[in-house]
């Protein structure tokens, strides 16, 4: 994994703040990498962790955000609050124009099992991961990992 680029602090006193909610992962379906995420796979890694929200899996493009991650019955739900500057502005504009509408995450496998079934229906059951980042993704592995909400909060 790359190192997150440090950005200079900017005065955001008069800058609008946005909130986005999106799924970075969906439980129970098989994605393009033949991975099937199982509920609980993120439970350890999101405890008290500061997981960055970045643009397009590019560590040089952090969206300076306060993020909250949780698992629900659907998947890994991310809530991010961020100022309307730099890549936060690009993300909002792209989301409102339906360009940034799918998401992904960077991770390492910690508990995985190959499930061999009929030809073409095999997959990897992912039970535990180490999460590094959540990201916008033009072509996500899991096409169901989508934007739920974007709103201006101040």
N, C-alpha and C. Protein backbone atom coordinates (compact mmCIF):
# COMPACT_ATOMS: atom_id res chain seq x y z
N UNK A 1 0.83 -1.18 0.00
CA UNK A 1 0.00 0.00 0.00
C UNK A 1 0.88 1.25 0.00
N UNK A 2 0.44 2.26 -0.68
CA UNK A 2 1.17 3.52 -0.74
C UNK A 2 0.99 4.31 0.53
N UNK A 3 1.78 5.35 0.63
CA UNK A 3 1.65 6.24 1.78
C UNK A 3 0.72 7.38 1.43
N UNK A 4 -0.10 7.76 2.39
CA UNK A 4 -1.06 8.82 2.19
C UNK A 4 -0.34 10.15 2.12
N UNK A 5 -0.61 10.91 1.08
CA UNK A 5 -0.01 12.22 0.90
C UNK A 5 -0.53 13.18 1.96
N UNK A 6 0.37 13.91 2.57
CA UNK A 6 -0.03 14.92 3.55
C UNK A 6 -0.32 16.21 2.81
N UNK A 7 -1.47 16.78 3.04
CA UNK A 7 -1.80 18.05 2.41
C UNK A 7 -1.65 19.15 3.43
N UNK A 8 -1.30 20.33 2.93
CA UNK A 8 -1.19 21.48 3.81
C UNK A 8 -2.57 21.80 4.37
N UNK A 9 -2.57 22.22 5.63
CA UNK A 9 -3.84 22.62 6.24
C UNK A 9 -4.36 23.85 5.54
N UNK A 10 -5.63 23.86 5.27
CA UNK A 10 -6.26 24.98 4.61
C UNK A 10 -7.36 25.53 5.51
N UNK A 11 -7.59 26.81 5.40
CA UNK A 11 -8.66 27.43 6.15
C UNK A 11 -9.97 27.02 5.50
N UNK A 12 -10.76 26.26 6.23
CA UNK A 12 -12.04 25.78 5.70
C UNK A 12 -13.23 26.42 6.40
N UNK A 13 -12.99 27.57 7.06
CA UNK A 13 -14.03 28.21 7.85
C UNK A 13 -15.27 28.55 7.02
N UNK A 14 -15.10 28.99 5.80
CA UNK A 14 -16.23 29.39 4.96
C UNK A 14 -16.49 28.42 3.82
N UNK A 15 -16.00 27.21 3.95
CA UNK A 15 -16.14 26.20 2.91
C UNK A 15 -17.31 25.28 3.27
N UNK A 16 -18.19 24.99 2.32
CA UNK A 16 -19.28 24.06 2.61
C UNK A 16 -18.75 22.68 3.02
N UNK A 17 -19.51 22.00 3.89
CA UNK A 17 -19.17 20.65 4.33
C UNK A 17 -20.23 19.71 3.76
N UNK A 18 -19.77 18.60 3.24
CA UNK A 18 -20.65 17.59 2.67
C UNK A 18 -20.54 16.29 3.45
N UNK A 19 -21.61 15.51 3.36
CA UNK A 19 -21.63 14.16 3.93
C UNK A 19 -21.98 13.19 2.80
N UNK A 20 -21.21 12.11 2.74
CA UNK A 20 -21.50 11.04 1.79
C UNK A 20 -21.65 9.74 2.56
N UNK A 21 -22.59 8.93 2.15
CA UNK A 21 -22.73 7.57 2.66
C UNK A 21 -22.66 6.64 1.47
N UNK A 22 -21.85 5.60 1.60
CA UNK A 22 -21.70 4.65 0.51
C UNK A 22 -21.25 3.31 1.04
N UNK A 23 -21.50 2.30 0.24
CA UNK A 23 -21.00 0.96 0.56
C UNK A 23 -19.68 0.76 -0.17
N UNK A 24 -18.64 0.45 0.59
CA UNK A 24 -17.33 0.12 0.00
C UNK A 24 -17.28 -1.36 -0.35
N UNK A 25 -18.14 -2.15 0.29
CA UNK A 25 -18.20 -3.59 0.04
C UNK A 25 -19.62 -4.07 0.30
N UNK A 26 -20.00 -5.11 -0.40
CA UNK A 26 -21.31 -5.73 -0.23
C UNK A 26 -21.11 -7.17 0.21
N UNK A 27 -21.90 -7.61 1.19
CA UNK A 27 -21.80 -8.99 1.68
C UNK A 27 -22.64 -9.94 0.83
N UNK A 28 -22.12 -11.16 0.65
CA UNK A 28 -22.92 -12.24 0.11
C UNK A 28 -22.91 -12.44 -1.39
N UNK A 29 -22.46 -11.45 -2.16
CA UNK A 29 -22.41 -11.67 -3.60
C UNK A 29 -20.97 -11.96 -4.03
N UNK A 30 -20.80 -12.49 -5.21
CA UNK A 30 -19.47 -12.81 -5.73
C UNK A 30 -19.07 -11.69 -6.68
N UNK A 31 -17.92 -11.07 -6.39
CA UNK A 31 -17.49 -9.93 -7.20
C UNK A 31 -16.65 -10.37 -8.39
N UNK A 32 -16.12 -9.42 -9.12
CA UNK A 32 -15.34 -9.71 -10.33
C UNK A 32 -14.05 -10.47 -10.04
N UNK A 33 -13.53 -10.36 -8.82
CA UNK A 33 -12.31 -11.09 -8.44
C UNK A 33 -12.64 -12.48 -7.90
N UNK A 34 -13.91 -12.84 -7.94
CA UNK A 34 -14.42 -14.13 -7.42
C UNK A 34 -14.33 -14.19 -5.89
N UNK A 35 -14.40 -13.02 -5.25
CA UNK A 35 -14.43 -12.94 -3.79
C UNK A 35 -15.87 -12.77 -3.32
N UNK A 36 -16.18 -13.42 -2.22
CA UNK A 36 -17.49 -13.27 -1.57
C UNK A 36 -17.20 -12.83 -0.14
N UNK A 37 -17.50 -11.57 0.15
CA UNK A 37 -17.27 -11.02 1.49
C UNK A 37 -18.35 -11.52 2.43
N UNK A 38 -17.95 -11.93 3.62
CA UNK A 38 -18.85 -12.44 4.63
C UNK A 38 -19.02 -11.38 5.72
N UNK A 39 -20.25 -11.21 6.20
CA UNK A 39 -20.49 -10.27 7.29
C UNK A 39 -19.57 -10.62 8.45
N UNK A 40 -18.90 -9.61 8.97
CA UNK A 40 -17.93 -9.79 10.04
C UNK A 40 -16.49 -9.67 9.55
N UNK A 41 -16.29 -9.70 8.22
CA UNK A 41 -14.94 -9.65 7.66
C UNK A 41 -14.20 -8.38 8.03
N UNK A 42 -14.92 -7.29 8.27
CA UNK A 42 -14.31 -6.00 8.58
C UNK A 42 -14.37 -5.64 10.06
N UNK A 43 -15.05 -6.45 10.86
CA UNK A 43 -15.37 -6.06 12.23
C UNK A 43 -14.13 -5.72 13.07
N UNK A 44 -13.08 -6.47 12.94
CA UNK A 44 -11.86 -6.20 13.73
C UNK A 44 -11.09 -5.00 13.19
N UNK A 45 -10.95 -4.91 11.89
CA UNK A 45 -10.10 -3.89 11.29
C UNK A 45 -10.69 -2.48 11.40
N UNK A 46 -12.01 -2.37 11.57
CA UNK A 46 -12.60 -1.03 11.65
C UNK A 46 -12.74 -0.53 13.08
N UNK A 47 -12.41 -1.36 14.06
CA UNK A 47 -12.48 -0.92 15.45
C UNK A 47 -11.40 0.13 15.69
N UNK A 48 -11.80 1.31 16.06
CA UNK A 48 -10.88 2.40 16.42
C UNK A 48 -9.83 2.70 15.37
N UNK A 49 -10.05 2.31 14.14
CA UNK A 49 -9.07 2.56 13.07
C UNK A 49 -9.39 3.86 12.35
N UNK A 50 -8.36 4.54 11.90
CA UNK A 50 -8.54 5.70 11.05
C UNK A 50 -8.27 5.25 9.62
N UNK A 51 -9.33 4.98 8.90
CA UNK A 51 -9.24 4.49 7.54
C UNK A 51 -9.45 5.67 6.60
N UNK A 52 -8.47 5.98 5.73
CA UNK A 52 -8.63 7.13 4.84
C UNK A 52 -9.61 6.87 3.70
N UNK A 53 -10.23 7.94 3.26
CA UNK A 53 -11.10 7.96 2.09
C UNK A 53 -10.30 8.67 1.00
N UNK A 54 -9.99 7.97 -0.09
CA UNK A 54 -9.15 8.55 -1.13
C UNK A 54 -9.87 8.47 -2.48
N UNK A 55 -9.38 9.24 -3.42
CA UNK A 55 -10.00 9.32 -4.74
C UNK A 55 -9.32 8.34 -5.68
N UNK A 56 -10.07 7.40 -6.22
CA UNK A 56 -9.58 6.49 -7.24
C UNK A 56 -8.42 5.61 -6.82
N UNK A 57 -8.38 5.17 -5.57
CA UNK A 57 -7.29 4.33 -5.03
C UNK A 57 -5.93 5.02 -5.13
N UNK A 58 -5.92 6.33 -5.22
CA UNK A 58 -4.68 7.09 -5.38
C UNK A 58 -4.32 7.77 -4.06
N UNK A 59 -3.28 7.27 -3.41
CA UNK A 59 -2.86 7.82 -2.12
C UNK A 59 -2.39 9.26 -2.22
N UNK A 60 -2.14 9.75 -3.42
CA UNK A 60 -1.78 11.15 -3.61
C UNK A 60 -3.02 12.04 -3.70
N UNK A 61 -4.21 11.43 -3.58
CA UNK A 61 -5.46 12.18 -3.71
C UNK A 61 -6.41 11.90 -2.53
N UNK A 62 -5.97 12.22 -1.32
CA UNK A 62 -6.86 11.99 -0.18
C UNK A 62 -8.02 12.98 -0.16
N UNK A 63 -9.16 12.48 0.23
CA UNK A 63 -10.30 13.36 0.48
C UNK A 63 -10.27 13.57 1.99
N UNK A 64 -9.92 14.77 2.40
CA UNK A 64 -9.72 15.04 3.82
C UNK A 64 -11.07 14.92 4.50
N UNK A 65 -11.29 13.79 5.15
CA UNK A 65 -12.62 13.47 5.65
C UNK A 65 -12.55 12.86 7.04
N UNK A 66 -13.63 13.08 7.77
CA UNK A 66 -13.87 12.33 9.01
C UNK A 66 -14.74 11.16 8.59
N UNK A 67 -14.21 9.95 8.74
CA UNK A 67 -14.96 8.78 8.29
C UNK A 67 -15.40 7.92 9.45
N UNK A 68 -16.57 7.33 9.29
CA UNK A 68 -17.10 6.34 10.21
C UNK A 68 -17.44 5.11 9.38
N UNK A 69 -16.93 3.96 9.80
CA UNK A 69 -17.19 2.72 9.07
C UNK A 69 -17.94 1.76 9.98
N UNK A 70 -18.91 1.07 9.40
CA UNK A 70 -19.66 0.08 10.16
C UNK A 70 -20.13 -1.02 9.22
N UNK A 71 -20.39 -2.17 9.81
CA UNK A 71 -20.99 -3.26 9.05
C UNK A 71 -22.48 -3.29 9.36
N UNK A 72 -23.29 -3.43 8.33
CA UNK A 72 -24.71 -3.70 8.53
C UNK A 72 -25.03 -4.98 7.74
N UNK A 73 -26.28 -5.30 7.57
CA UNK A 73 -26.63 -6.54 6.87
C UNK A 73 -26.26 -6.50 5.39
N UNK A 74 -26.11 -5.31 4.83
CA UNK A 74 -25.80 -5.17 3.41
C UNK A 74 -24.31 -5.26 3.13
N UNK A 75 -23.50 -4.57 3.94
CA UNK A 75 -22.06 -4.55 3.68
C UNK A 75 -21.32 -3.58 4.57
N UNK A 76 -20.18 -3.10 4.07
CA UNK A 76 -19.36 -2.13 4.79
C UNK A 76 -19.84 -0.74 4.42
N UNK A 77 -20.52 -0.10 5.37
CA UNK A 77 -21.09 1.22 5.15
C UNK A 77 -20.12 2.29 5.64
N UNK A 78 -19.85 3.26 4.78
CA UNK A 78 -18.94 4.35 5.10
C UNK A 78 -19.73 5.65 5.13
N UNK A 79 -19.53 6.43 6.18
CA UNK A 79 -20.05 7.78 6.26
C UNK A 79 -18.84 8.70 6.34
N UNK A 80 -18.77 9.65 5.42
CA UNK A 80 -17.63 10.57 5.37
C UNK A 80 -18.14 12.00 5.34
N UNK A 81 -17.53 12.84 6.17
CA UNK A 81 -17.83 14.27 6.16
C UNK A 81 -16.55 15.00 5.77
N UNK A 82 -16.66 15.94 4.82
CA UNK A 82 -15.46 16.55 4.28
C UNK A 82 -15.77 17.92 3.69
N UNK A 83 -14.75 18.79 3.63
CA UNK A 83 -14.95 20.12 3.04
C UNK A 83 -14.98 20.05 1.52
N UNK A 84 -15.65 21.00 0.93
CA UNK A 84 -15.80 21.11 -0.52
C UNK A 84 -14.56 21.82 -1.10
N UNK A 85 -13.41 21.15 -0.98
CA UNK A 85 -12.15 21.64 -1.53
C UNK A 85 -11.38 20.47 -2.13
N UNK A 86 -10.44 20.78 -3.01
CA UNK A 86 -9.54 19.79 -3.60
C UNK A 86 -10.32 18.57 -4.12
N UNK A 87 -9.89 17.37 -3.75
CA UNK A 87 -10.55 16.17 -4.25
C UNK A 87 -11.90 15.92 -3.58
N UNK A 88 -12.16 16.56 -2.44
CA UNK A 88 -13.51 16.52 -1.87
C UNK A 88 -14.49 17.22 -2.80
N UNK A 89 -14.08 18.35 -3.36
CA UNK A 89 -14.90 19.09 -4.33
C UNK A 89 -15.09 18.24 -5.59
N UNK A 90 -14.02 17.64 -6.09
CA UNK A 90 -14.12 16.80 -7.30
C UNK A 90 -15.08 15.64 -7.06
N UNK A 91 -14.96 15.01 -5.88
CA UNK A 91 -15.85 13.89 -5.57
C UNK A 91 -17.31 14.34 -5.56
N UNK A 92 -17.61 15.45 -4.87
CA UNK A 92 -19.00 15.94 -4.82
C UNK A 92 -19.51 16.22 -6.22
N UNK A 93 -18.73 16.96 -7.01
CA UNK A 93 -19.17 17.29 -8.37
C UNK A 93 -19.39 16.03 -9.19
N UNK A 94 -18.46 15.07 -9.09
CA UNK A 94 -18.61 13.82 -9.84
C UNK A 94 -19.81 13.01 -9.35
N UNK A 95 -20.03 12.98 -8.04
CA UNK A 95 -21.17 12.23 -7.49
C UNK A 95 -22.49 12.85 -7.93
N UNK A 96 -22.58 14.17 -7.88
CA UNK A 96 -23.81 14.84 -8.28
C UNK A 96 -24.08 14.67 -9.79
N UNK A 97 -23.02 14.49 -10.56
CA UNK A 97 -23.16 14.26 -12.00
C UNK A 97 -23.18 12.77 -12.35
N UNK A 98 -23.27 11.93 -11.32
CA UNK A 98 -23.36 10.47 -11.45
C UNK A 98 -22.14 9.84 -12.11
N UNK A 99 -20.99 10.50 -11.97
CA UNK A 99 -19.73 9.94 -12.45
C UNK A 99 -19.10 9.08 -11.36
N UNK A 100 -19.02 9.62 -10.15
CA UNK A 100 -18.51 8.86 -9.00
C UNK A 100 -19.71 8.24 -8.30
N UNK A 101 -19.97 6.97 -8.62
CA UNK A 101 -21.15 6.32 -8.04
C UNK A 101 -20.84 4.93 -7.50
N UNK A 102 -19.62 4.46 -7.71
CA UNK A 102 -19.23 3.15 -7.19
C UNK A 102 -17.94 3.27 -6.39
N UNK A 103 -17.74 2.29 -5.49
CA UNK A 103 -16.66 2.38 -4.51
C UNK A 103 -15.95 1.06 -4.34
N UNK A 104 -14.83 1.12 -3.66
CA UNK A 104 -14.02 -0.06 -3.44
C UNK A 104 -13.20 0.15 -2.17
N UNK A 105 -12.24 -0.74 -1.94
CA UNK A 105 -11.40 -0.64 -0.76
C UNK A 105 -10.08 -1.36 -1.01
N UNK A 106 -9.04 -0.91 -0.32
CA UNK A 106 -7.74 -1.57 -0.38
C UNK A 106 -7.55 -2.41 0.87
N UNK A 107 -7.07 -3.66 0.72
CA UNK A 107 -7.03 -4.57 1.86
C UNK A 107 -6.04 -5.70 1.63
N UNK A 108 -5.77 -6.44 2.68
CA UNK A 108 -5.07 -7.72 2.62
C UNK A 108 -6.00 -8.78 3.20
N UNK A 109 -5.91 -9.99 2.66
CA UNK A 109 -6.67 -11.13 3.18
C UNK A 109 -6.05 -11.58 4.50
N UNK A 110 -6.89 -11.90 5.48
CA UNK A 110 -6.43 -12.49 6.73
C UNK A 110 -7.04 -13.86 6.98
N UNK A 111 -8.26 -14.08 6.51
CA UNK A 111 -8.92 -15.39 6.62
C UNK A 111 -9.73 -15.59 5.35
N UNK A 112 -9.32 -16.58 4.55
CA UNK A 112 -9.92 -16.81 3.25
C UNK A 112 -10.01 -18.31 3.01
N UNK A 113 -11.08 -18.74 2.34
CA UNK A 113 -11.22 -20.15 1.99
C UNK A 113 -11.71 -20.26 0.55
N UNK A 114 -11.08 -21.13 -0.19
CA UNK A 114 -11.52 -21.41 -1.56
C UNK A 114 -12.72 -22.34 -1.51
N UNK A 115 -13.78 -21.94 -2.16
CA UNK A 115 -14.99 -22.75 -2.22
C UNK A 115 -15.10 -23.26 -3.66
N UNK A 116 -14.75 -24.51 -3.87
CA UNK A 116 -14.79 -25.10 -5.21
C UNK A 116 -16.12 -25.77 -5.44
N UNK A 117 -16.88 -25.25 -6.34
CA UNK A 117 -18.17 -25.85 -6.67
C UNK A 117 -18.14 -26.24 -8.14
N UNK A 118 -19.25 -26.14 -8.80
CA UNK A 118 -19.30 -26.44 -10.23
C UNK A 118 -18.38 -25.49 -10.99
N UNK A 119 -17.91 -25.93 -12.11
CA UNK A 119 -17.05 -25.10 -12.95
C UNK A 119 -17.72 -23.75 -13.21
N UNK A 120 -16.97 -22.70 -12.98
CA UNK A 120 -17.48 -21.35 -13.20
C UNK A 120 -18.22 -20.77 -12.01
N UNK A 121 -18.49 -21.57 -10.99
CA UNK A 121 -19.19 -21.08 -9.81
C UNK A 121 -18.32 -21.10 -8.57
N UNK A 122 -17.02 -21.28 -8.74
CA UNK A 122 -16.14 -21.29 -7.58
C UNK A 122 -15.84 -19.86 -7.16
N UNK A 123 -15.44 -19.70 -5.90
CA UNK A 123 -15.15 -18.37 -5.36
C UNK A 123 -14.31 -18.50 -4.11
N UNK A 124 -13.87 -17.36 -3.61
CA UNK A 124 -13.14 -17.28 -2.36
C UNK A 124 -14.04 -16.64 -1.32
N UNK A 125 -14.24 -17.33 -0.22
CA UNK A 125 -15.03 -16.78 0.87
C UNK A 125 -14.08 -15.99 1.76
N UNK A 126 -14.34 -14.70 1.88
CA UNK A 126 -13.47 -13.80 2.64
C UNK A 126 -14.09 -13.57 4.01
N UNK A 127 -13.41 -14.07 5.03
CA UNK A 127 -13.95 -14.02 6.40
C UNK A 127 -13.33 -12.93 7.26
N UNK A 128 -12.10 -12.51 6.90
CA UNK A 128 -11.43 -11.48 7.69
C UNK A 128 -10.41 -10.78 6.80
N UNK A 129 -10.39 -9.43 6.89
CA UNK A 129 -9.44 -8.64 6.12
C UNK A 129 -8.77 -7.60 7.00
N UNK A 130 -7.66 -7.08 6.51
CA UNK A 130 -6.99 -5.91 7.07
C UNK A 130 -7.27 -4.78 6.08
N UNK A 131 -8.01 -3.78 6.51
CA UNK A 131 -8.45 -2.69 5.65
C UNK A 131 -7.44 -1.54 5.69
N UNK A 132 -7.11 -1.00 4.51
CA UNK A 132 -6.16 0.12 4.41
C UNK A 132 -6.82 1.42 3.97
N UNK A 133 -7.80 1.33 3.10
CA UNK A 133 -8.45 2.55 2.59
C UNK A 133 -9.78 2.21 1.97
N UNK A 134 -10.63 3.23 1.85
CA UNK A 134 -11.85 3.15 1.06
C UNK A 134 -11.71 4.20 -0.03
N UNK A 135 -12.34 3.94 -1.17
CA UNK A 135 -12.04 4.77 -2.33
C UNK A 135 -13.19 4.83 -3.31
N UNK A 136 -13.21 5.92 -4.07
CA UNK A 136 -14.05 5.94 -5.26
C UNK A 136 -13.43 4.96 -6.24
N UNK A 137 -14.24 4.39 -7.11
CA UNK A 137 -13.71 3.44 -8.09
C UNK A 137 -14.53 3.50 -9.37
N UNK A 138 -13.87 3.83 -10.46
CA UNK A 138 -14.56 3.89 -11.74
C UNK A 138 -15.02 2.49 -12.17
N UNK A 139 -14.19 1.48 -11.88
CA UNK A 139 -14.52 0.10 -12.21
C UNK A 139 -14.28 -0.74 -10.96
N UNK A 140 -15.27 -0.84 -10.08
CA UNK A 140 -15.08 -1.58 -8.83
C UNK A 140 -15.16 -3.09 -9.05
N UNK A 141 -14.51 -3.82 -8.16
CA UNK A 141 -14.65 -5.29 -8.19
C UNK A 141 -16.09 -5.67 -7.90
N UNK A 142 -16.70 -5.01 -6.93
CA UNK A 142 -18.07 -5.31 -6.57
C UNK A 142 -18.97 -4.20 -7.10
N UNK A 143 -19.65 -4.48 -8.17
CA UNK A 143 -20.45 -3.46 -8.85
C UNK A 143 -21.67 -3.00 -8.04
N UNK A 144 -21.96 -3.69 -6.93
CA UNK A 144 -23.08 -3.28 -6.09
C UNK A 144 -22.66 -2.32 -4.98
N UNK A 145 -21.35 -2.02 -4.87
CA UNK A 145 -20.84 -1.09 -3.85
C UNK A 145 -21.07 0.33 -4.34
N UNK A 146 -22.18 0.92 -3.93
CA UNK A 146 -22.62 2.18 -4.52
C UNK A 146 -22.89 3.28 -3.50
N UNK A 147 -23.00 4.48 -4.05
CA UNK A 147 -23.35 5.67 -3.28
C UNK A 147 -24.78 5.56 -2.78
N UNK A 148 -24.98 5.88 -1.50
CA UNK A 148 -26.31 5.87 -0.90
C UNK A 148 -26.84 7.29 -0.78
N UNK A 149 -25.95 8.23 -0.41
CA UNK A 149 -26.37 9.60 -0.11
C UNK A 149 -25.22 10.55 -0.28
N UNK A 150 -25.50 11.72 -0.80
CA UNK A 150 -24.55 12.84 -0.74
C UNK A 150 -25.38 14.07 -0.43
N UNK A 151 -24.95 14.83 0.58
CA UNK A 151 -25.72 16.00 0.98
C UNK A 151 -24.80 17.06 1.57
N UNK A 152 -25.20 18.30 1.37
CA UNK A 152 -24.49 19.44 1.96
C UNK A 152 -25.03 19.59 3.37
N UNK A 153 -24.13 19.62 4.36
CA UNK A 153 -24.61 19.71 5.76
C UNK A 153 -24.30 21.06 6.39
N UNK A 154 -23.44 21.85 5.79
CA UNK A 154 -23.22 23.22 6.28
C UNK A 154 -22.52 24.04 5.22
